[in-house]
Amino acid sequence: MTSTFTSKKQTKIESRGARFEYGDFVIKLGSVTMMEHFKGILIEIEYRPCIMLSYCWEMIREMLQGFLGINVAKEYPTYFTTQTIMNAMGQQQLHAKQNDLYEPMDTVKQYLEHFTNYRKHVQLHGAMGSAGGSVGPVLLPSTVGMGRA
């Protein structure tokens, strides 16, 4: 008898690094590795007094721009883009995630989103015959965390 289901083994991907405090901000710099190969850098900025992104996105942007020395887009990170959801009456409506209370699960989901992007990037370049095993340093300043005081 032959096996009809085989599960695809997920590659191990992780982000490890340093944590810094600067006033009300917590900055986490993480080196992303996949199967022990360097893939890029993740930056997480947490503004502790705020629990709703729409109230403090400008301040987080300014912190990122000062920290990185580059211009950061005014748009919210992709995780917070407006989504279409179904309401209780079965009608579609737009939902602005940046106006929701920020919860720890939001940070987890953002890390998963970035890890998925790293995996897709590796698969895309692997399928194109790229000889290099590394994506190189990629700055992803859109992982944003906010704590509850």
N, C-alpha and C. Protein backbone atom coordinates (compact mmCIF):
# COMPACT_ATOMS: atom_id res chain seq x y z
N MET A 1 0.83 -1.17 0.00
CA MET A 1 0.00 0.00 0.00
C MET A 1 0.89 1.25 0.00
N THR A 2 0.49 2.27 -0.74
CA THR A 2 1.29 3.48 -0.83
C THR A 2 0.66 4.62 -0.02
N SER A 3 1.49 5.52 0.38
CA SER A 3 1.04 6.68 1.14
C SER A 3 0.38 7.69 0.20
N THR A 4 -0.79 8.17 0.56
CA THR A 4 -1.48 9.13 -0.29
C THR A 4 -1.27 10.57 0.17
N PHE A 5 -0.88 10.75 1.41
CA PHE A 5 -0.66 12.10 1.93
C PHE A 5 0.75 12.23 2.47
N THR A 6 1.45 13.19 1.96
CA THR A 6 2.77 13.50 2.51
C THR A 6 2.79 14.98 2.84
N SER A 7 3.17 15.30 4.04
CA SER A 7 3.20 16.70 4.44
C SER A 7 4.52 17.34 4.02
N LYS A 8 4.42 18.59 3.62
CA LYS A 8 5.62 19.34 3.24
C LYS A 8 6.26 19.86 4.50
N LYS A 9 7.53 19.55 4.70
CA LYS A 9 8.22 20.03 5.88
C LYS A 9 8.50 21.52 5.74
N GLN A 10 8.08 22.29 6.74
CA GLN A 10 8.29 23.74 6.74
C GLN A 10 9.73 24.04 7.15
N THR A 11 10.36 24.94 6.42
CA THR A 11 11.73 25.31 6.76
C THR A 11 11.73 26.19 8.00
N LYS A 12 12.74 26.02 8.83
CA LYS A 12 12.86 26.79 10.06
C LYS A 12 13.33 28.20 9.73
N ILE A 13 12.59 29.19 10.22
CA ILE A 13 12.96 30.58 10.03
C ILE A 13 12.79 31.28 11.37
N GLU A 14 13.76 32.12 11.72
CA GLU A 14 13.68 32.81 13.00
C GLU A 14 14.35 34.16 12.92
N SER A 15 14.01 35.02 13.87
CA SER A 15 14.62 36.34 14.00
C SER A 15 15.16 36.46 15.42
N ARG A 16 16.45 36.72 15.52
CA ARG A 16 17.10 36.88 16.83
C ARG A 16 17.91 38.16 16.82
N GLY A 17 17.91 38.83 17.97
CA GLY A 17 18.69 40.04 18.01
C GLY A 17 18.59 40.77 19.33
N ALA A 18 18.88 42.05 19.26
CA ALA A 18 18.96 42.89 20.46
C ALA A 18 17.68 43.69 20.67
N ARG A 19 17.50 44.07 21.93
CA ARG A 19 16.35 44.89 22.35
C ARG A 19 16.91 46.14 23.03
N PHE A 20 16.43 47.31 22.59
CA PHE A 20 16.88 48.57 23.16
C PHE A 20 15.68 49.37 23.63
N GLU A 21 15.87 50.16 24.68
CA GLU A 21 14.83 51.07 25.14
C GLU A 21 15.33 52.49 24.96
N TYR A 22 14.46 53.34 24.42
CA TYR A 22 14.77 54.74 24.19
C TYR A 22 13.53 55.54 24.58
N GLY A 23 13.51 56.04 25.80
CA GLY A 23 12.33 56.73 26.31
C GLY A 23 11.14 55.78 26.36
N ASP A 24 10.04 56.16 25.70
CA ASP A 24 8.84 55.32 25.66
C ASP A 24 8.88 54.29 24.53
N PHE A 25 9.96 54.25 23.78
CA PHE A 25 10.08 53.33 22.65
C PHE A 25 10.89 52.10 23.02
N VAL A 26 10.52 50.98 22.46
CA VAL A 26 11.32 49.75 22.52
C VAL A 26 11.66 49.42 21.07
N ILE A 27 12.94 49.23 20.80
CA ILE A 27 13.41 48.92 19.45
C ILE A 27 14.03 47.53 19.48
N LYS A 28 13.57 46.67 18.60
CA LYS A 28 14.12 45.33 18.50
C LYS A 28 14.69 45.14 17.10
N LEU A 29 15.96 44.79 17.06
CA LEU A 29 16.64 44.50 15.79
C LEU A 29 16.85 43.00 15.72
N GLY A 30 16.35 42.38 14.67
CA GLY A 30 16.48 40.94 14.55
C GLY A 30 17.13 40.53 13.25
N SER A 31 18.07 39.64 13.36
CA SER A 31 18.70 39.04 12.20
C SER A 31 17.87 37.82 11.81
N VAL A 32 17.34 37.81 10.60
CA VAL A 32 16.49 36.72 10.15
C VAL A 32 17.35 35.64 9.50
N THR A 33 17.18 34.42 9.98
CA THR A 33 17.89 33.29 9.38
C THR A 33 16.88 32.22 8.99
N MET A 34 17.17 31.57 7.88
CA MET A 34 16.33 30.46 7.43
C MET A 34 17.28 29.30 7.16
N MET A 35 17.06 28.23 7.89
CA MET A 35 17.95 27.06 7.78
C MET A 35 19.40 27.49 8.03
N GLU A 36 19.61 28.35 9.01
CA GLU A 36 20.91 28.85 9.44
C GLU A 36 21.61 29.75 8.41
N HIS A 37 20.89 30.23 7.40
CA HIS A 37 21.45 31.15 6.41
C HIS A 37 20.83 32.52 6.63
N PHE A 38 21.67 33.56 6.66
CA PHE A 38 21.19 34.92 6.87
C PHE A 38 20.30 35.36 5.70
N LYS A 39 19.13 35.93 6.01
CA LYS A 39 18.19 36.37 4.97
C LYS A 39 17.88 37.84 5.03
N GLY A 40 18.05 38.49 6.17
CA GLY A 40 17.75 39.91 6.25
C GLY A 40 17.61 40.39 7.68
N ILE A 41 17.07 41.58 7.82
CA ILE A 41 16.92 42.20 9.13
C ILE A 41 15.47 42.65 9.32
N LEU A 42 14.94 42.39 10.49
CA LEU A 42 13.62 42.89 10.87
C LEU A 42 13.80 43.93 11.97
N ILE A 43 13.04 44.99 11.87
CA ILE A 43 13.08 46.03 12.89
C ILE A 43 11.67 46.17 13.46
N GLU A 44 11.56 46.06 14.76
CA GLU A 44 10.28 46.24 15.43
C GLU A 44 10.37 47.47 16.31
N ILE A 45 9.44 48.39 16.14
CA ILE A 45 9.36 49.58 16.96
C ILE A 45 8.08 49.50 17.78
N GLU A 46 8.22 49.62 19.07
CA GLU A 46 7.07 49.59 19.98
C GLU A 46 7.00 50.92 20.72
N TYR A 47 5.84 51.55 20.67
CA TYR A 47 5.62 52.77 21.44
C TYR A 47 4.68 52.40 22.58
N ARG A 48 5.24 52.26 23.77
CA ARG A 48 4.52 51.68 24.89
C ARG A 48 3.24 52.40 25.34
N PRO A 49 3.19 53.73 25.34
CA PRO A 49 1.97 54.37 25.84
C PRO A 49 0.75 54.23 24.92
N CYS A 50 0.93 53.77 23.70
CA CYS A 50 -0.16 53.76 22.72
C CYS A 50 -0.68 52.34 22.48
N ILE A 51 -2.01 52.22 22.34
CA ILE A 51 -2.59 50.90 22.07
C ILE A 51 -3.41 50.90 20.78
N MET A 52 -3.35 51.99 20.01
CA MET A 52 -4.07 52.07 18.74
C MET A 52 -3.15 52.74 17.72
N LEU A 53 -2.83 52.03 16.64
CA LEU A 53 -1.84 52.51 15.68
C LEU A 53 -2.20 53.86 15.09
N SER A 54 -3.46 54.10 14.80
CA SER A 54 -3.84 55.36 14.15
C SER A 54 -3.51 56.57 15.01
N TYR A 55 -3.41 56.39 16.32
CA TYR A 55 -3.09 57.50 17.22
C TYR A 55 -1.60 57.84 17.24
N CYS A 56 -0.74 56.88 16.90
CA CYS A 56 0.70 57.14 17.08
C CYS A 56 1.55 56.75 15.87
N TRP A 57 0.96 56.47 14.72
CA TRP A 57 1.74 56.07 13.56
C TRP A 57 2.74 57.14 13.14
N GLU A 58 2.34 58.42 13.19
CA GLU A 58 3.26 59.49 12.80
C GLU A 58 4.50 59.52 13.70
N MET A 59 4.30 59.29 14.99
CA MET A 59 5.43 59.30 15.93
C MET A 59 6.35 58.09 15.67
N ILE A 60 5.76 56.95 15.39
CA ILE A 60 6.56 55.76 15.08
C ILE A 60 7.33 55.97 13.77
N ARG A 61 6.67 56.58 12.78
CA ARG A 61 7.34 56.90 11.51
C ARG A 61 8.55 57.81 11.73
N GLU A 62 8.35 58.85 12.53
CA GLU A 62 9.45 59.77 12.80
C GLU A 62 10.60 59.06 13.50
N MET A 63 10.28 58.18 14.42
CA MET A 63 11.32 57.41 15.13
C MET A 63 12.09 56.54 14.13
N LEU A 64 11.35 55.86 13.25
CA LEU A 64 11.99 55.02 12.23
C LEU A 64 12.88 55.85 11.30
N GLN A 65 12.38 57.00 10.86
CA GLN A 65 13.16 57.85 9.96
C GLN A 65 14.43 58.34 10.64
N GLY A 66 14.34 58.73 11.91
CA GLY A 66 15.53 59.17 12.63
C GLY A 66 16.49 58.03 12.88
N PHE A 67 15.95 56.84 13.16
CA PHE A 67 16.77 55.67 13.47
C PHE A 67 17.46 55.14 12.22
N LEU A 68 16.72 55.05 11.11
CA LEU A 68 17.26 54.47 9.89
C LEU A 68 17.93 55.50 8.98
N GLY A 69 17.52 56.76 9.12
CA GLY A 69 18.08 57.79 8.25
C GLY A 69 17.52 57.75 6.84
N ILE A 70 16.34 57.13 6.67
CA ILE A 70 15.70 57.08 5.35
C ILE A 70 14.25 57.53 5.50
N ASN A 71 13.63 57.85 4.38
CA ASN A 71 12.23 58.25 4.39
C ASN A 71 11.34 57.01 4.53
N VAL A 72 10.36 57.08 5.43
CA VAL A 72 9.42 55.98 5.65
C VAL A 72 8.06 56.43 5.14
N ALA A 73 7.41 55.60 4.36
CA ALA A 73 6.12 55.94 3.76
C ALA A 73 5.08 56.32 4.80
N LYS A 74 4.16 57.19 4.42
CA LYS A 74 3.10 57.63 5.33
C LYS A 74 2.02 56.56 5.50
N GLU A 75 1.94 55.65 4.55
CA GLU A 75 0.92 54.61 4.61
C GLU A 75 1.21 53.66 5.77
N TYR A 76 0.13 53.11 6.31
CA TYR A 76 0.29 52.12 7.37
C TYR A 76 0.95 50.86 6.80
N PRO A 77 1.63 50.08 7.65
CA PRO A 77 2.18 48.80 7.18
C PRO A 77 1.08 47.92 6.58
N THR A 78 1.46 47.02 5.70
CA THR A 78 0.48 46.20 4.96
C THR A 78 -0.47 45.44 5.88
N TYR A 79 0.00 45.02 7.03
CA TYR A 79 -0.85 44.29 7.96
C TYR A 79 -2.07 45.11 8.37
N PHE A 80 -1.93 46.43 8.37
CA PHE A 80 -3.00 47.31 8.84
C PHE A 80 -3.84 47.90 7.72
N THR A 81 -3.64 47.48 6.49
CA THR A 81 -4.42 48.04 5.40
C THR A 81 -5.90 47.72 5.60
N THR A 82 -6.75 48.59 5.07
CA THR A 82 -8.19 48.42 5.20
C THR A 82 -8.61 47.13 4.51
N GLN A 83 -9.44 46.35 5.21
CA GLN A 83 -9.89 45.06 4.71
C GLN A 83 -11.40 45.05 4.56
N THR A 84 -11.88 44.23 3.65
CA THR A 84 -13.32 44.05 3.49
C THR A 84 -13.74 42.88 4.36
N ILE A 85 -14.73 43.10 5.23
CA ILE A 85 -15.23 42.04 6.11
C ILE A 85 -16.75 41.94 5.96
N MET A 86 -17.31 40.85 6.43
CA MET A 86 -18.75 40.66 6.43
C MET A 86 -19.30 41.05 7.80
N ASN A 87 -20.32 41.88 7.82
CA ASN A 87 -20.92 42.24 9.10
C ASN A 87 -21.97 41.21 9.50
N ALA A 88 -22.62 41.41 10.63
CA ALA A 88 -23.60 40.45 11.16
C ALA A 88 -24.80 40.27 10.22
N MET A 89 -25.07 41.25 9.39
CA MET A 89 -26.20 41.18 8.45
C MET A 89 -25.80 40.54 7.12
N GLY A 90 -24.56 40.09 7.01
CA GLY A 90 -24.09 39.45 5.78
C GLY A 90 -23.69 40.44 4.70
N GLN A 91 -23.51 41.68 5.07
CA GLN A 91 -23.11 42.70 4.10
C GLN A 91 -21.62 42.95 4.22
N GLN A 92 -21.01 43.30 3.09
CA GLN A 92 -19.59 43.61 3.10
C GLN A 92 -19.39 45.05 3.54
N GLN A 93 -18.37 45.26 4.35
CA GLN A 93 -18.01 46.62 4.75
C GLN A 93 -16.51 46.71 4.93
N LEU A 94 -16.01 47.93 4.83
CA LEU A 94 -14.58 48.16 4.99
C LEU A 94 -14.24 48.26 6.47
N HIS A 95 -13.13 47.65 6.84
CA HIS A 95 -12.69 47.67 8.24
C HIS A 95 -11.26 48.18 8.30
N ALA A 96 -11.03 49.26 9.04
CA ALA A 96 -9.70 49.85 9.18
C ALA A 96 -9.02 49.26 10.41
N LYS A 97 -8.12 48.32 10.21
CA LYS A 97 -7.45 47.62 11.31
C LYS A 97 -6.61 48.56 12.18
N GLN A 98 -6.12 49.65 11.59
CA GLN A 98 -5.29 50.57 12.37
C GLN A 98 -6.08 51.26 13.48
N ASN A 99 -7.40 51.17 13.46
CA ASN A 99 -8.23 51.77 14.51
C ASN A 99 -8.61 50.78 15.61
N ASP A 100 -8.18 49.54 15.47
CA ASP A 100 -8.45 48.52 16.50
C ASP A 100 -7.45 48.64 17.64
N LEU A 101 -7.82 48.11 18.81
CA LEU A 101 -6.86 48.02 19.91
C LEU A 101 -5.78 47.02 19.51
N TYR A 102 -4.53 47.39 19.76
CA TYR A 102 -3.41 46.53 19.41
C TYR A 102 -3.25 45.44 20.46
N GLU A 103 -3.10 44.20 20.00
CA GLU A 103 -2.96 43.05 20.89
C GLU A 103 -1.68 42.30 20.54
N PRO A 104 -1.16 41.52 21.47
CA PRO A 104 0.08 40.76 21.19
C PRO A 104 -0.03 39.88 19.93
N MET A 105 -1.22 39.38 19.65
CA MET A 105 -1.40 38.53 18.46
C MET A 105 -1.12 39.32 17.17
N ASP A 106 -1.31 40.63 17.20
CA ASP A 106 -0.99 41.44 16.02
C ASP A 106 0.50 41.40 15.72
N THR A 107 1.33 41.41 16.75
CA THR A 107 2.78 41.31 16.54
C THR A 107 3.13 39.95 15.96
N VAL A 108 2.54 38.89 16.51
CA VAL A 108 2.80 37.54 16.01
C VAL A 108 2.42 37.44 14.53
N LYS A 109 1.26 37.96 14.18
CA LYS A 109 0.80 37.88 12.78
C LYS A 109 1.70 38.68 11.84
N GLN A 110 2.24 39.80 12.32
CA GLN A 110 3.15 40.57 11.47
C GLN A 110 4.46 39.82 11.24
N TYR A 111 4.98 39.17 12.28
CA TYR A 111 6.18 38.36 12.09
C TYR A 111 5.91 37.24 11.10
N LEU A 112 4.76 36.58 11.22
CA LEU A 112 4.41 35.51 10.29
C LEU A 112 4.31 36.04 8.86
N GLU A 113 3.74 37.24 8.70
CA GLU A 113 3.64 37.86 7.38
C GLU A 113 5.02 38.09 6.78
N HIS A 114 5.94 38.61 7.59
CA HIS A 114 7.29 38.86 7.08
C HIS A 114 8.04 37.56 6.81
N PHE A 115 7.89 36.58 7.67
CA PHE A 115 8.55 35.29 7.43
C PHE A 115 8.02 34.65 6.14
N THR A 116 6.73 34.76 5.90
CA THR A 116 6.14 34.24 4.67
C THR A 116 6.75 34.96 3.46
N ASN A 117 6.92 36.28 3.57
CA ASN A 117 7.53 37.04 2.48
C ASN A 117 8.97 36.60 2.22
N TYR A 118 9.73 36.32 3.28
CA TYR A 118 11.09 35.81 3.11
C TYR A 118 11.08 34.46 2.39
N ARG A 119 10.16 33.59 2.81
CA ARG A 119 10.08 32.27 2.16
C ARG A 119 9.72 32.40 0.69
N LYS A 120 8.74 33.25 0.38
CA LYS A 120 8.33 33.45 -1.01
C LYS A 120 9.48 34.01 -1.83
N HIS A 121 10.23 34.94 -1.25
CA HIS A 121 11.36 35.55 -1.95
C HIS A 121 12.41 34.49 -2.28
N VAL A 122 12.67 33.61 -1.34
CA VAL A 122 13.66 32.54 -1.56
C VAL A 122 13.15 31.57 -2.63
N GLN A 123 11.86 31.20 -2.57
CA GLN A 123 11.30 30.28 -3.56
C GLN A 123 11.32 30.90 -4.95
N LEU A 124 10.97 32.19 -5.03
CA LEU A 124 10.94 32.89 -6.31
C LEU A 124 12.33 32.93 -6.93
N HIS A 125 13.32 33.31 -6.15
CA HIS A 125 14.68 33.40 -6.68
C HIS A 125 15.29 32.02 -6.88
N GLY A 126 14.90 31.05 -6.07
CA GLY A 126 15.38 29.68 -6.27
C GLY A 126 14.85 29.10 -7.57
N ALA A 127 13.58 29.41 -7.89
CA ALA A 127 12.97 28.90 -9.11
C ALA A 127 13.56 29.56 -10.35
N MET A 128 14.11 30.76 -10.18
CA MET A 128 14.69 31.47 -11.31
C MET A 128 16.14 31.07 -11.54
N GLY A 129 16.66 30.16 -10.74
CA GLY A 129 18.01 29.67 -10.95
C GLY A 129 19.08 30.54 -10.31
N SER A 130 18.73 31.29 -9.30
CA SER A 130 19.70 32.14 -8.62
C SER A 130 20.73 31.28 -7.91
N ALA A 131 21.99 31.59 -8.10
CA ALA A 131 23.06 30.79 -7.50
C ALA A 131 23.27 31.14 -6.03
N GLY A 132 23.02 32.37 -5.65
CA GLY A 132 23.25 32.79 -4.27
C GLY A 132 22.19 32.26 -3.34
N GLY A 133 22.60 31.88 -2.12
CA GLY A 133 21.65 31.36 -1.16
C GLY A 133 21.06 32.45 -0.28
N SER A 134 21.56 33.67 -0.37
CA SER A 134 21.13 34.73 0.53
C SER A 134 20.39 35.83 -0.22
N VAL A 135 19.32 36.32 0.40
CA VAL A 135 18.57 37.42 -0.16
C VAL A 135 19.33 38.72 0.07
N GLY A 136 20.16 38.76 1.09
CA GLY A 136 20.90 39.97 1.43
C GLY A 136 20.16 40.76 2.49
N PRO A 137 20.78 41.81 2.96
CA PRO A 137 20.14 42.58 4.01
C PRO A 137 18.91 43.32 3.49
N VAL A 138 17.78 43.03 4.08
CA VAL A 138 16.54 43.67 3.71
C VAL A 138 15.98 44.35 4.94
N LEU A 139 15.71 45.64 4.83
CA LEU A 139 15.12 46.37 5.95
C LEU A 139 13.61 46.33 5.82
N LEU A 140 12.96 45.82 6.82
CA LEU A 140 11.51 45.76 6.83
C LEU A 140 11.00 46.50 8.05
N PRO A 141 10.89 47.82 7.96
CA PRO A 141 10.51 48.59 9.13
C PRO A 141 9.03 48.60 9.40
N SER A 142 8.28 47.68 8.84
CA SER A 142 6.84 47.76 9.04
C SER A 142 6.34 46.85 10.15
N THR A 143 7.22 46.14 10.82
CA THR A 143 6.77 45.37 11.96
C THR A 143 6.67 46.31 13.13
N VAL A 144 5.47 46.59 13.55
CA VAL A 144 5.23 47.61 14.57
C VAL A 144 4.52 46.98 15.75
N GLY A 145 5.06 47.16 16.91
CA GLY A 145 4.40 46.68 18.11
C GLY A 145 4.06 47.84 19.02
N MET A 146 2.99 47.71 19.74
CA MET A 146 2.62 48.73 20.72
C MET A 146 2.23 48.01 21.99
N GLY A 147 2.75 48.47 23.08
CA GLY A 147 2.48 47.81 24.35
C GLY A 147 1.38 48.48 25.13
N ARG A 148 0.95 47.80 26.14
CA ARG A 148 -0.05 48.36 27.07
C ARG A 148 0.66 48.67 28.36
N ALA A 149 0.50 49.87 28.81
CA ALA A 149 1.18 50.29 30.05
C ALA A 149 0.54 49.68 31.26
